[in-house]
Amino acid sequence: MRVRTSDGHELSVRIIGDGSLPVLFIHGWMVSGAVWSDLFEILHPRGQKLIVPDHRGSGDSDRPDNGYTIDRYVEDMIAVADAAGAKRFAVVGHSMGGQIAQVLAARHPERVIGAALLSPVPASGIPMPPEVVELFSTCAGNREKQTAILGAACKELSAATRDRILDDSVRTSEPCIRQAFEAFRTGGYEAELGDIRAPVLCVACDDPFFPIDFLQKAVVGQIARGSLVHLPGPGHYLANERPRETAAIVGAFLAGLPREADA
């Protein structure tokens, strides 16, 4: 379906299942909601309604020249939840999507009943050396640069999965790549984490960008009901590198949440 944002743009959203627990899947930087496809082959919506948007600038959503900020992404996700009829919902966020999920849970504690964060960017952002900033901020439409990024971030990504992700990511607009990267790396939302009331599970792996000790301190340690589980082996795209194990962790977390989320 198409969802209109408060600033007049349209987002493409897939709905999978019709269960009583809405689950909003928030993808990360550079890619679109298609990145969840490996996970969805295993994580079937038993009693859940999976809500899968493409962020502005990616996938089949509109490609405006601006609006690629964490604040705007949070507003966009609320528009998606409203359009899907999800008064209360769980969130699964990866990378930048995990940062968005943290801010969403902090600003809307009456609506977010639980959040699973997969190798999330901390709300505070992440320091990066100048050469990495240059690579990330200039990779729009450049398959070679995006291949280098995936190569540095991932440890167990198959060639076929890598190529499928790249086919999607090279379509993401230049303003989205540049502005969203600047937004998530600078962060600045850590003071809001104390407002999160929902249980939050952080799934760490052997991600070279977000090691377990860093996530424990920067994410889990800042959230009252935060906990961490370690999935050894995969790199940053754990849901694509180890979809079966990731689905088991996420599925178990979701199974522990209230089934009548809209009650």
C-alpha atoms as a PDB file:
ATOM      1  CA  MET A   1       0.000   0.000   0.000  1.00  0.00           C
ATOM      2  CA  ARG A   2       0.957   3.664  -0.290  1.00  0.00           C
ATOM      3  CA  VAL A   3       1.159   5.831   2.830  1.00  0.00           C
ATOM      4  CA  ARG A   4       1.253   9.630   2.697  1.00  0.00           C
ATOM      5  CA  THR A   5       3.608  11.328   5.146  1.00  0.00           C
ATOM      6  CA  SER A   6       2.852  14.540   7.017  1.00  0.00           C
ATOM      7  CA  ASP A   7       5.008  16.486   4.547  1.00  0.00           C
ATOM      8  CA  GLY A   8       3.159  15.130   1.520  1.00  0.00           C
ATOM      9  CA  HIS A   9       5.316  12.269   0.227  1.00  0.00           C
ATOM     10  CA  GLU A  10       4.312   8.658  -0.328  1.00  0.00           C
ATOM     11  CA  LEU A  11       5.948   5.597   1.177  1.00  0.00           C
ATOM     12  CA  SER A  12       5.620   2.076  -0.177  1.00  0.00           C
ATOM     13  CA  VAL A  13       4.558  -0.371   2.548  1.00  0.00           C
ATOM     14  CA  ARG A  14       4.057  -4.143   2.471  1.00  0.00           C
ATOM     15  CA  ILE A  15       1.693  -5.864   4.904  1.00  0.00           C
ATOM     16  CA  ILE A  16       2.307  -9.558   5.601  1.00  0.00           C
ATOM     17  CA  GLY A  17      -0.178 -11.491   7.748  1.00  0.00           C
ATOM     18  CA  ASP A  18      -3.198 -10.295   9.696  1.00  0.00           C
ATOM     19  CA  GLY A  19      -2.451 -11.299  13.294  1.00  0.00           C
ATOM     20  CA  SER A  20      -3.208  -9.370  16.459  1.00  0.00           C
ATOM     21  CA  LEU A  21       0.398  -8.252  17.049  1.00  0.00           C
ATOM     22  CA  PRO A  22       1.540  -5.572  14.561  1.00  0.00           C
ATOM     23  CA  VAL A  23       5.316  -5.581  14.056  1.00  0.00           C
ATOM     24  CA  LEU A  24       6.962  -2.651  12.292  1.00  0.00           C
ATOM     25  CA  PHE A  25      10.193  -3.621  10.499  1.00  0.00           C
ATOM     26  CA  ILE A  26      12.501  -0.599  10.090  1.00  0.00           C
ATOM     27  CA  HIS A  27      15.342  -1.117   7.638  1.00  0.00           C
ATOM     28  CA  GLY A  28      18.693   0.609   7.749  1.00  0.00           C
ATOM     29  CA  TRP A  29      20.721   2.962   5.613  1.00  0.00           C
ATOM     30  CA  MET A  30      21.462   2.416   1.905  1.00  0.00           C
ATOM     31  CA  VAL A  31      18.908  -0.387   1.431  1.00  0.00           C
ATOM     32  CA  SER A  32      15.106  -0.715   1.353  1.00  0.00           C
ATOM     33  CA  GLY A  33      12.540  -2.939   3.040  1.00  0.00           C
ATOM     34  CA  ALA A  34      13.543  -5.660   0.571  1.00  0.00           C
ATOM     35  CA  VAL A  35      16.527  -6.344   2.841  1.00  0.00           C
ATOM     36  CA  TRP A  36      14.190  -8.277   5.168  1.00  0.00           C
ATOM     37  CA  SER A  37      13.316 -10.899   2.538  1.00  0.00           C
ATOM     38  CA  ASP A  38      15.786 -13.518   3.819  1.00  0.00           C
ATOM     39  CA  LEU A  39      14.362 -13.207   7.330  1.00  0.00           C
ATOM     40  CA  PHE A  40      10.761 -13.419   6.136  1.00  0.00           C
ATOM     41  CA  GLU A  41      11.431 -16.723   4.390  1.00  0.00           C
ATOM     42  CA  ILE A  42      11.841 -18.171   7.889  1.00  0.00           C
ATOM     43  CA  LEU A  43      10.013 -15.782  10.250  1.00  0.00           C
ATOM     44  CA  HIS A  44       6.419 -16.525   9.334  1.00  0.00           C
ATOM     45  CA  PRO A  45       3.786 -14.155  10.774  1.00  0.00           C
ATOM     46  CA  ARG A  46       2.186 -16.495  13.323  1.00  0.00           C
ATOM     47  CA  GLY A  47      -0.317 -14.272  15.096  1.00  0.00           C
ATOM     48  CA  GLN A  48       1.452 -11.190  13.773  1.00  0.00           C
ATOM     49  CA  LYS A  49       0.941  -8.520  11.165  1.00  0.00           C
ATOM     50  CA  LEU A  50       4.297  -7.576   9.642  1.00  0.00           C
ATOM     51  CA  ILE A  51       4.475  -3.950   8.473  1.00  0.00           C
ATOM     52  CA  VAL A  52       7.389  -3.363   6.113  1.00  0.00           C
ATOM     53  CA  PRO A  53       7.964   0.169   4.770  1.00  0.00           C
ATOM     54  CA  ASP A  54      10.556   1.459   2.341  1.00  0.00           C
ATOM     55  CA  HIS A  55      12.046   4.649   3.743  1.00  0.00           C
ATOM     56  CA  ARG A  56      11.730   7.771   1.621  1.00  0.00           C
ATOM     57  CA  GLY A  57      14.437   7.749  -1.027  1.00  0.00           C
ATOM     58  CA  SER A  58      14.607   3.951  -1.232  1.00  0.00           C
ATOM     59  CA  GLY A  59      12.741   1.019  -2.734  1.00  0.00           C
ATOM     60  CA  ASP A  60       9.419   2.034  -4.251  1.00  0.00           C
ATOM     61  CA  SER A  61       8.878   5.090  -2.039  1.00  0.00           C
ATOM     62  CA  ASP A  62       9.034   8.703  -3.194  1.00  0.00           C
ATOM     63  CA  ARG A  63      12.445  10.308  -3.581  1.00  0.00           C
ATOM     64  CA  PRO A  64      12.264  13.887  -2.275  1.00  0.00           C
ATOM     65  CA  ASP A  65      15.321  16.126  -2.098  1.00  0.00           C
ATOM     66  CA  ASN A  66      15.220  16.397   1.688  1.00  0.00           C
ATOM     67  CA  GLY A  67      13.684  15.028   4.881  1.00  0.00           C
ATOM     68  CA  TYR A  68      16.329  12.380   5.598  1.00  0.00           C
ATOM     69  CA  THR A  69      16.654  12.968   9.318  1.00  0.00           C
ATOM     70  CA  ILE A  70      15.996  10.732  12.302  1.00  0.00           C
ATOM     71  CA  ASP A  71      13.200  13.051  13.440  1.00  0.00           C
ATOM     72  CA  ARG A  72      11.482  12.791  10.066  1.00  0.00           C
ATOM     73  CA  TYR A  73      11.965   9.022   9.883  1.00  0.00           C
ATOM     74  CA  VAL A  74      10.264   8.680  13.278  1.00  0.00           C
ATOM     75  CA  GLU A  75       7.312  10.749  12.026  1.00  0.00           C
ATOM     76  CA  ASP A  76       7.187   8.640   8.860  1.00  0.00           C
ATOM     77  CA  MET A  77       7.037   5.430  10.913  1.00  0.00           C
ATOM     78  CA  ILE A  78       4.130   6.768  12.957  1.00  0.00           C
ATOM     79  CA  ALA A  79       2.305   7.606   9.703  1.00  0.00           C
ATOM     80  CA  VAL A  80       2.927   4.019   8.535  1.00  0.00           C
ATOM     81  CA  ALA A  81       1.660   2.537  11.808  1.00  0.00           C
ATOM     82  CA  ASP A  82      -1.444   4.724  11.695  1.00  0.00           C
ATOM     83  CA  ALA A  83      -2.203   3.743   8.107  1.00  0.00           C
ATOM     84  CA  ALA A  84      -1.799   0.066   9.012  1.00  0.00           C
ATOM     85  CA  GLY A  85      -4.214   0.431  11.928  1.00  0.00           C
ATOM     86  CA  ALA A  86      -1.531  -0.351  14.511  1.00  0.00           C
ATOM     87  CA  LYS A  87      -2.414   1.545  17.678  1.00  0.00           C
ATOM     88  CA  ARG A  88       0.234  -0.354  19.637  1.00  0.00           C
ATOM     89  CA  PHE A  89       2.988  -2.331  17.997  1.00  0.00           C
ATOM     90  CA  ALA A  90       6.393  -3.971  18.305  1.00  0.00           C
ATOM     91  CA  VAL A  91       9.407  -2.765  16.360  1.00  0.00           C
ATOM     92  CA  VAL A  92      12.303  -4.598  14.737  1.00  0.00           C
ATOM     93  CA  GLY A  93      15.070  -2.269  13.540  1.00  0.00           C
ATOM     94  CA  HIS A  94      18.410  -2.929  11.860  1.00  0.00           C
ATOM     95  CA  SER A  95      21.408  -0.575  11.879  1.00  0.00           C
ATOM     96  CA  MET A  96      20.080   2.968  11.292  1.00  0.00           C
ATOM     97  CA  GLY A  97      16.644   1.411  11.633  1.00  0.00           C
ATOM     98  CA  GLY A  98      17.644   0.390  15.132  1.00  0.00           C
ATOM     99  CA  GLN A  99      18.513   3.985  15.950  1.00  0.00           C
ATOM    100  CA  ILE A 100      15.150   5.114  14.572  1.00  0.00           C
ATOM    101  CA  ALA A 101      13.453   2.404  16.658  1.00  0.00           C
ATOM    102  CA  GLN A 102      15.098   3.694  19.844  1.00  0.00           C
ATOM    103  CA  VAL A 103      13.886   7.241  19.264  1.00  0.00           C
ATOM    104  CA  LEU A 104      10.442   5.980  18.219  1.00  0.00           C
ATOM    105  CA  ALA A 105      10.114   3.958  21.439  1.00  0.00           C
ATOM    106  CA  ALA A 106      11.272   6.923  23.529  1.00  0.00           C
ATOM    107  CA  ARG A 107       8.877   9.426  21.950  1.00  0.00           C
ATOM    108  CA  HIS A 108       5.874   7.109  21.742  1.00  0.00           C
ATOM    109  CA  PRO A 109       6.060   4.854  24.818  1.00  0.00           C
ATOM    110  CA  GLU A 110       2.289   4.471  24.812  1.00  0.00           C
ATOM    111  CA  ARG A 111       2.465   2.798  21.407  1.00  0.00           C
ATOM    112  CA  VAL A 112       5.686   0.765  21.261  1.00  0.00           C
ATOM    113  CA  ILE A 113       5.311  -2.432  23.304  1.00  0.00           C
ATOM    114  CA  GLY A 114       8.727  -3.918  22.511  1.00  0.00           C
ATOM    115  CA  ALA A 115      11.756  -3.366  20.290  1.00  0.00           C
ATOM    116  CA  ALA A 116      14.299  -5.803  18.847  1.00  0.00           C
ATOM    117  CA  LEU A 117      17.420  -4.003  17.644  1.00  0.00           C
ATOM    118  CA  LEU A 118      19.733  -5.814  15.222  1.00  0.00           C
ATOM    119  CA  SER A 119      23.270  -4.365  15.263  1.00  0.00           C
ATOM    120  CA  PRO A 120      21.742  -0.943  15.937  1.00  0.00           C
ATOM    121  CA  VAL A 121      23.396   2.423  15.555  1.00  0.00           C
ATOM    122  CA  PRO A 122      23.369   3.936  19.065  1.00  0.00           C
ATOM    123  CA  ALA A 123      21.110   6.933  19.637  1.00  0.00           C
ATOM    124  CA  SER A 124      24.293   8.905  20.299  1.00  0.00           C
ATOM    125  CA  GLY A 125      25.626   8.163  16.803  1.00  0.00           C
ATOM    126  CA  ILE A 126      28.943   6.593  15.922  1.00  0.00           C
ATOM    127  CA  PRO A 127      32.392   8.133  15.383  1.00  0.00           C
ATOM    128  CA  MET A 128      34.007   7.282  12.049  1.00  0.00           C
ATOM    129  CA  PRO A 129      37.408   8.102  10.529  1.00  0.00           C
ATOM    130  CA  PRO A 130      37.451  10.641   7.665  1.00  0.00           C
ATOM    131  CA  GLU A 131      38.093   8.064   4.950  1.00  0.00           C
ATOM    132  CA  VAL A 132      35.029   6.056   6.017  1.00  0.00           C
ATOM    133  CA  VAL A 133      32.889   9.184   6.112  1.00  0.00           C
ATOM    134  CA  GLU A 134      34.027   9.986   2.583  1.00  0.00           C
ATOM    135  CA  LEU A 135      33.263   6.475   1.303  1.00  0.00           C
ATOM    136  CA  PHE A 136      29.821   6.259   2.883  1.00  0.00           C
ATOM    137  CA  SER A 137      28.691   9.763   1.986  1.00  0.00           C
ATOM    138  CA  THR A 138      29.654   9.455  -1.695  1.00  0.00           C
ATOM    139  CA  CYS A 139      28.497   5.915  -2.500  1.00  0.00           C
ATOM    140  CA  ALA A 140      25.079   6.729  -4.016  1.00  0.00           C
ATOM    141  CA  GLY A 141      24.549   4.771  -7.230  1.00  0.00           C
ATOM    142  CA  ASN A 142      28.126   3.467  -7.096  1.00  0.00           C
ATOM    143  CA  ARG A 143      28.125  -0.326  -7.017  1.00  0.00           C
ATOM    144  CA  GLU A 144      31.890  -0.534  -6.476  1.00  0.00           C
ATOM    145  CA  LYS A 145      31.794   1.655  -3.372  1.00  0.00           C
ATOM    146  CA  GLN A 146      28.728  -0.077  -1.987  1.00  0.00           C
ATOM    147  CA  THR A 147      30.412  -3.442  -2.569  1.00  0.00           C
ATOM    148  CA  ALA A 148      33.363  -2.201  -0.519  1.00  0.00           C
ATOM    149  CA  ILE A 149      31.013  -1.134   2.284  1.00  0.00           C
ATOM    150  CA  LEU A 150      29.288  -4.518   2.405  1.00  0.00           C
ATOM    151  CA  GLY A 151      32.660  -6.252   2.247  1.00  0.00           C
ATOM    152  CA  ALA A 152      33.899  -4.324   5.270  1.00  0.00           C
ATOM    153  CA  ALA A 153      30.681  -4.787   7.247  1.00  0.00           C
ATOM    154  CA  CYS A 154      29.818  -8.436   6.578  1.00  0.00           C
ATOM    155  CA  LYS A 155      31.523 -11.726   7.401  1.00  0.00           C
ATOM    156  CA  GLU A 156      29.216 -14.433   6.074  1.00  0.00           C
ATOM    157  CA  LEU A 157      27.294 -12.792   3.235  1.00  0.00           C
ATOM    158  CA  SER A 158      26.930 -15.047   0.202  1.00  0.00           C
ATOM    159  CA  ALA A 159      27.747 -13.657  -3.239  1.00  0.00           C
ATOM    160  CA  ALA A 160      24.149 -14.119  -4.379  1.00  0.00           C
ATOM    161  CA  THR A 161      22.739 -12.273  -1.356  1.00  0.00           C
ATOM    162  CA  ARG A 162      25.333  -9.525  -1.720  1.00  0.00           C
ATOM    163  CA  ASP A 163      24.383  -8.980  -5.352  1.00  0.00           C
ATOM    164  CA  ARG A 164      20.682  -8.879  -4.494  1.00  0.00           C
ATOM    165  CA  ILE A 165      21.299  -6.275  -1.799  1.00  0.00           C
ATOM    166  CA  LEU A 166      23.404  -4.233  -4.215  1.00  0.00           C
ATOM    167  CA  ASP A 167      20.736  -4.396  -6.934  1.00  0.00           C
ATOM    168  CA  ASP A 168      18.436  -2.742  -4.402  1.00  0.00           C
ATOM    169  CA  SER A 169      20.885  -0.334  -2.783  1.00  0.00           C
ATOM    170  CA  VAL A 170      22.191   1.274  -5.994  1.00  0.00           C
ATOM    171  CA  ARG A 171      18.644   2.558  -6.564  1.00  0.00           C
ATOM    172  CA  THR A 172      18.622   4.560  -3.317  1.00  0.00           C
ATOM    173  CA  SER A 173      18.688   8.283  -4.041  1.00  0.00           C
ATOM    174  CA  GLU A 174      21.753  10.475  -3.563  1.00  0.00           C
ATOM    175  CA  PRO A 175      20.060  12.842  -1.067  1.00  0.00           C
ATOM    176  CA  CYS A 176      18.964   9.830   0.961  1.00  0.00           C
ATOM    177  CA  ILE A 177      22.442   8.303   1.003  1.00  0.00           C
ATOM    178  CA  ARG A 178      24.189  11.535   1.935  1.00  0.00           C
ATOM    179  CA  GLN A 179      21.709  13.106   4.342  1.00  0.00           C
ATOM    180  CA  ALA A 180      20.663   9.927   6.160  1.00  0.00           C
ATOM    181  CA  PHE A 181      24.286   8.942   6.680  1.00  0.00           C
ATOM    182  CA  GLU A 182      25.038  12.301   8.257  1.00  0.00           C
ATOM    183  CA  ALA A 183      21.920  11.992  10.419  1.00  0.00           C
ATOM    184  CA  PHE A 184      22.649   8.570  11.882  1.00  0.00           C
ATOM    185  CA  ARG A 185      26.378   9.012  12.396  1.00  0.00           C
ATOM    186  CA  THR A 186      25.948  12.259  14.339  1.00  0.00           C
ATOM    187  CA  GLY A 187      23.015  10.982  16.399  1.00  0.00           C
ATOM    188  CA  GLY A 188      22.426  13.167  19.445  1.00  0.00           C
ATOM    189  CA  TYR A 189      19.341  11.375  20.842  1.00  0.00           C
ATOM    190  CA  GLU A 190      20.893   9.537  23.788  1.00  0.00           C
ATOM    191  CA  ALA A 191      19.225  11.806  26.367  1.00  0.00           C
ATOM    192  CA  GLU A 192      15.817  10.471  25.252  1.00  0.00           C
ATOM    193  CA  LEU A 193      16.526   6.813  25.987  1.00  0.00           C
ATOM    194  CA  GLY A 194      15.376   7.167  29.584  1.00  0.00           C
ATOM    195  CA  ASP A 195      11.834   7.652  28.262  1.00  0.00           C
ATOM    196  CA  ILE A 196      11.662   4.123  26.835  1.00  0.00           C
ATOM    197  CA  ARG A 197       9.277   1.943  28.850  1.00  0.00           C
ATOM    198  CA  ALA A 198       9.111  -1.115  26.612  1.00  0.00           C
ATOM    199  CA  PRO A 199      11.430  -4.129  26.791  1.00  0.00           C
ATOM    200  CA  VAL A 200      14.299  -3.753  24.328  1.00  0.00           C
ATOM    201  CA  LEU A 201      16.426  -6.626  23.033  1.00  0.00           C
ATOM    202  CA  CYS A 202      19.712  -5.712  21.367  1.00  0.00           C
ATOM    203  CA  VAL A 203      21.081  -8.460  19.122  1.00  0.00           C
ATOM    204  CA  ALA A 204      24.854  -8.132  18.818  1.00  0.00           C
ATOM    205  CA  CYS A 205      27.019 -10.211  16.524  1.00  0.00           C
ATOM    206  CA  ASP A 206      30.654 -10.106  15.401  1.00  0.00           C
ATOM    207  CA  ASP A 207      30.015  -6.838  13.578  1.00  0.00           C
ATOM    208  CA  PRO A 208      33.302  -4.949  13.013  1.00  0.00           C
ATOM    209  CA  PHE A 209      31.472  -1.613  13.264  1.00  0.00           C
ATOM    210  CA  PHE A 210      29.345  -2.388  16.350  1.00  0.00           C
ATOM    211  CA  PRO A 211      31.150  -4.808  18.684  1.00  0.00           C
ATOM    212  CA  ILE A 212      29.308  -6.329  21.623  1.00  0.00           C
ATOM    213  CA  ASP A 213      31.007  -4.244  24.339  1.00  0.00           C
ATOM    214  CA  PHE A 214      30.212  -1.040  22.461  1.00  0.00           C
ATOM    215  CA  LEU A 215      26.520  -1.943  22.086  1.00  0.00           C
ATOM    216  CA  GLN A 216      26.286  -2.992  25.723  1.00  0.00           C
ATOM    217  CA  LYS A 217      27.542   0.396  26.874  1.00  0.00           C
ATOM    218  CA  ALA A 218      26.045   2.711  24.246  1.00  0.00           C
ATOM    219  CA  VAL A 219      22.626   1.064  23.820  1.00  0.00           C
ATOM    220  CA  VAL A 220      21.667  -1.535  26.415  1.00  0.00           C
ATOM    221  CA  GLY A 221      23.212   0.308  29.341  1.00  0.00           C
ATOM    222  CA  GLN A 222      21.113   3.391  28.558  1.00  0.00           C
ATOM    223  CA  ILE A 223      17.712   1.630  28.499  1.00  0.00           C
ATOM    224  CA  ALA A 224      15.894   0.607  31.682  1.00  0.00           C
ATOM    225  CA  ARG A 225      14.511  -2.656  30.298  1.00  0.00           C
ATOM    226  CA  GLY A 226      17.329  -3.311  27.876  1.00  0.00           C
ATOM    227  CA  SER A 227      18.974  -6.708  27.399  1.00  0.00           C
ATOM    228  CA  LEU A 228      21.518  -8.128  24.981  1.00  0.00           C
ATOM    229  CA  VAL A 229      22.024 -11.424  23.204  1.00  0.00           C
ATOM    230  CA  HIS A 230      25.138 -12.317  21.207  1.00  0.00           C
ATOM    231  CA  LEU A 231      24.903 -14.173  17.898  1.00  0.00           C
ATOM    232  CA  PRO A 232      28.505 -15.190  17.108  1.00  0.00           C
ATOM    233  CA  GLY A 233      29.734 -15.360  13.533  1.00  0.00           C
ATOM    234  CA  PRO A 234      27.915 -12.918  11.245  1.00  0.00           C
ATOM    235  CA  GLY A 235      28.793  -9.327  10.555  1.00  0.00           C
ATOM    236  CA  HIS A 236      26.562  -6.278  10.292  1.00  0.00           C
ATOM    237  CA  TYR A 237      23.825  -7.779   8.060  1.00  0.00           C
ATOM    238  CA  LEU A 238      23.061 -10.622  10.461  1.00  0.00           C
ATOM    239  CA  ALA A 239      19.495 -11.122   9.174  1.00  0.00           C
ATOM    240  CA  ASN A 240      20.954 -11.847   5.724  1.00  0.00           C
ATOM    241  CA  GLU A 241      24.095 -13.663   6.840  1.00  0.00           C
ATOM    242  CA  ARG A 242      22.360 -15.848   9.443  1.00  0.00           C
ATOM    243  CA  PRO A 243      18.621 -15.537   8.770  1.00  0.00           C
ATOM    244  CA  ARG A 244      17.621 -18.755  10.562  1.00  0.00           C
ATOM    245  CA  GLU A 245      19.360 -17.902  13.822  1.00  0.00           C
ATOM    246  CA  THR A 246      18.238 -14.261  13.645  1.00  0.00           C
ATOM    247  CA  ALA A 247      14.642 -15.341  13.029  1.00  0.00           C
ATOM    248  CA  ALA A 248      14.783 -17.639  16.064  1.00  0.00           C
ATOM    249  CA  ILE A 249      15.975 -14.805  18.320  1.00  0.00           C
ATOM    250  CA  VAL A 250      13.507 -12.250  16.983  1.00  0.00           C
ATOM    251  CA  GLY A 251      10.655 -14.761  16.967  1.00  0.00           C
ATOM    252  CA  ALA A 252      11.251 -15.709  20.593  1.00  0.00           C
ATOM    253  CA  PHE A 253      11.289 -12.052  21.628  1.00  0.00           C
ATOM    254  CA  LEU A 254       8.060 -11.292  19.773  1.00  0.00           C
ATOM    255  CA  ALA A 255       6.406 -14.398  21.225  1.00  0.00           C
ATOM    256  CA  GLY A 256       6.897 -12.967  24.707  1.00  0.00           C
ATOM    257  CA  LEU A 257       4.989  -9.762  23.940  1.00  0.00           C
ATOM    258  CA  PRO A 258       1.229  -9.280  24.483  1.00  0.00           C
ATOM    259  CA  ARG A 259      -0.785 -10.786  21.642  1.00  0.00           C
ATOM    260  CA  GLU A 260      -3.647  -8.284  21.839  1.00  0.00           C
ATOM    261  CA  ALA A 261      -1.422  -5.301  21.098  1.00  0.00           C
ATOM    262  CA  ASP A 262      -4.324  -3.090  20.109  1.00  0.00           C
ATOM    263  CA  ALA A 263      -6.388  -3.755  23.215  1.00  0.00           C
END
